[in-house]
């Protein structure tokens, strides 16, 4: 997930409570549309979808050849939560983090290291890449896709 660093709390406990509230998706908006999101988040989204197109919403890919790389972007005014095919996780993770840095938005590794995933704010040093269990799951899915 990426987020507006001017809104999110910096203390881990408060951040996790804020994240939980954001993930209720209670805003009166179309969560597949970037209109109304923080401008840095919108720039991040457009950069990300050049590599991993949107599967839903006004920017949904119409190219059948891109569907295996399509992502589900859930866009709030202060957050973008994105899900990707497991087989692409190793490719997505470093790009997602780097684009967060490049666009000066926060990054939360929701799937990271047993609930203690990285919470990055612009200006902070990035932690070492996650060694979370998601990497094992991604490897299993890559193995399945290679045998089909």
Protein backbone atom coordinates (compact mmCIF):
# COMPACT_ATOMS: atom_id res chain seq x y z
CA UNK A 1 0.00 0.00 0.00
CA UNK A 2 1.10 3.56 -0.63
CA UNK A 3 -0.27 6.49 1.33
CA UNK A 4 -0.31 10.25 1.75
CA UNK A 5 2.53 10.85 4.22
CA UNK A 6 1.01 14.14 5.38
CA UNK A 7 -2.06 12.36 6.76
CA UNK A 8 -0.82 9.02 8.08
CA UNK A 9 0.35 8.79 11.70
CA UNK A 10 4.04 7.99 12.15
CA UNK A 11 3.82 5.88 15.31
CA UNK A 12 3.38 2.17 14.38
CA UNK A 13 0.36 1.46 16.59
CA UNK A 14 -1.48 4.59 15.48
CA UNK A 15 -0.53 3.88 11.88
CA UNK A 16 -1.92 0.35 12.01
CA UNK A 17 -5.19 1.67 13.50
CA UNK A 18 -5.35 4.29 10.74
CA UNK A 19 -4.65 1.64 8.10
CA UNK A 20 -7.43 -0.57 9.49
CA UNK A 21 -9.86 2.35 9.29
CA UNK A 22 -8.77 3.21 5.73
CA UNK A 23 -9.19 -0.44 4.70
CA UNK A 24 -12.88 -0.30 5.60
CA UNK A 25 -13.32 1.63 2.35
CA UNK A 26 -16.01 3.89 3.77
CA UNK A 27 -15.39 6.99 1.64
CA UNK A 28 -18.16 8.04 -0.72
CA UNK A 29 -16.15 7.43 -3.90
CA UNK A 30 -15.43 5.00 -6.72
CA UNK A 31 -12.40 3.13 -5.40
CA UNK A 32 -11.31 2.13 -8.90
CA UNK A 33 -10.94 5.75 -10.02
CA UNK A 34 -7.98 7.97 -9.06
CA UNK A 35 -10.03 11.20 -9.23
CA UNK A 36 -9.95 12.91 -5.84
CA UNK A 37 -6.85 11.09 -4.56
CA UNK A 38 -3.75 12.97 -3.43
CA UNK A 39 -1.83 14.15 -6.52
CA UNK A 40 1.32 12.24 -5.51
CA UNK A 41 -0.71 9.05 -5.22
CA UNK A 42 -2.23 9.65 -8.65
CA UNK A 43 1.25 10.12 -10.16
CA UNK A 44 2.38 6.89 -8.44
CA UNK A 45 -0.67 5.05 -9.78
CA UNK A 46 -0.08 6.15 -13.36
CA UNK A 47 3.60 5.17 -13.15
CA UNK A 48 2.74 1.78 -11.65
CA UNK A 49 0.08 0.95 -14.20
CA UNK A 50 2.53 1.43 -17.08
CA UNK A 51 4.09 -1.81 -15.77
CA UNK A 52 1.00 -3.42 -14.22
CA UNK A 53 -2.23 -2.18 -15.84
CA UNK A 54 -5.46 -1.75 -13.93
CA UNK A 55 -7.93 -4.62 -14.14
CA UNK A 56 -10.92 -2.50 -13.12
CA UNK A 57 -12.23 1.02 -13.37
CA UNK A 58 -11.87 3.77 -15.96
CA UNK A 59 -8.24 2.82 -16.67
CA UNK A 60 -8.87 -0.93 -17.00
CA UNK A 61 -6.80 -2.57 -19.67
CA UNK A 62 -8.63 -3.66 -22.79
CA UNK A 63 -5.61 -5.60 -24.01
CA UNK A 64 -6.07 -9.34 -23.43
CA UNK A 65 -2.29 -9.77 -23.61
CA UNK A 66 -1.92 -7.62 -20.48
CA UNK A 67 -4.48 -9.38 -18.29
CA UNK A 68 -1.89 -11.71 -16.74
CA UNK A 69 -0.07 -8.59 -15.44
CA UNK A 70 -3.16 -6.65 -14.37
CA UNK A 71 -3.45 -5.38 -10.82
CA UNK A 72 -6.45 -4.52 -8.67
CA UNK A 73 -5.94 -0.96 -7.44
CA UNK A 74 -8.21 0.21 -4.63
CA UNK A 75 -7.81 3.99 -4.55
CA UNK A 76 -8.89 6.12 -1.63
CA UNK A 77 -8.22 9.81 -1.20
CA UNK A 78 -5.16 9.08 0.98
CA UNK A 79 -4.20 5.48 0.12
CA UNK A 80 -3.77 3.09 -2.78
CA UNK A 81 -3.99 -0.56 -1.89
CA UNK A 82 -2.94 -2.79 -4.74
CA UNK A 83 -3.08 -6.53 -5.25
CA UNK A 84 -1.16 -8.42 -7.91
CA UNK A 85 -0.90 -11.99 -9.14
CA UNK A 86 1.28 -13.97 -6.72
CA UNK A 87 3.48 -15.08 -9.60
CA UNK A 88 4.57 -11.44 -10.09
CA UNK A 89 5.26 -10.60 -6.44
CA UNK A 90 9.06 -10.67 -6.74
CA UNK A 91 8.86 -8.33 -9.73
CA UNK A 92 6.25 -6.00 -8.23
CA UNK A 93 7.74 -5.53 -4.77
CA UNK A 94 10.96 -3.63 -5.64
CA UNK A 95 9.22 -1.48 -8.27
CA UNK A 96 6.35 -0.59 -5.92
CA UNK A 97 8.82 0.48 -3.22
CA UNK A 98 10.99 2.46 -5.62
CA UNK A 99 8.03 4.27 -7.18
CA UNK A 100 6.83 5.18 -3.67
CA UNK A 101 10.22 6.79 -3.03
CA UNK A 102 10.27 8.48 -6.44
CA UNK A 103 6.78 9.96 -5.99
CA UNK A 104 7.32 10.94 -2.34
CA UNK A 105 4.50 8.86 -0.94
CA UNK A 106 4.58 6.50 2.01
CA UNK A 107 4.87 2.74 1.58
CA UNK A 108 3.43 0.04 3.83
CA UNK A 109 4.44 -3.56 3.25
CA UNK A 110 1.10 -5.04 4.29
CA UNK A 111 2.29 -8.60 3.59
CA UNK A 112 5.67 -8.12 5.19
CA UNK A 113 7.42 -10.06 7.87
CA UNK A 114 4.78 -11.42 10.24
CA UNK A 115 2.74 -8.25 10.65
CA UNK A 116 5.76 -6.05 11.20
CA UNK A 117 5.99 -4.95 7.60
CA UNK A 118 7.91 -1.87 6.68
CA UNK A 119 6.24 1.52 7.09
CA UNK A 120 8.23 3.99 5.01
CA UNK A 121 7.80 7.76 5.05
CA UNK A 122 9.57 10.02 2.52
CA UNK A 123 12.96 11.03 3.83
CA UNK A 124 13.41 7.87 5.89
CA UNK A 125 15.87 5.16 4.94
CA UNK A 126 14.28 2.09 3.38
CA UNK A 127 14.59 -1.06 5.44
CA UNK A 128 16.21 -4.10 3.85
CA UNK A 129 13.77 -5.81 1.46
CA UNK A 130 11.16 -7.98 3.11
CA UNK A 131 12.04 -11.57 3.77
CA UNK A 132 8.42 -12.31 4.59
CA UNK A 133 6.60 -15.56 4.05
CA UNK A 134 4.95 -13.99 0.98
CA UNK A 135 8.17 -14.77 -0.91
CA UNK A 136 7.62 -18.51 -0.38
CA UNK A 137 4.02 -18.23 -1.57
CA UNK A 138 5.14 -16.24 -4.62
CA UNK A 139 7.76 -18.88 -5.45
CA UNK A 140 5.12 -21.61 -5.26
CA UNK A 141 2.87 -19.68 -7.67
CA UNK A 142 5.76 -19.05 -10.06
CA UNK A 143 6.46 -22.78 -10.02
CA UNK A 144 2.83 -23.53 -10.84
CA UNK A 145 2.73 -21.05 -13.69
CA UNK A 146 5.93 -22.53 -15.17
CA UNK A 147 4.38 -26.01 -15.32
CA UNK A 148 1.20 -24.97 -17.12
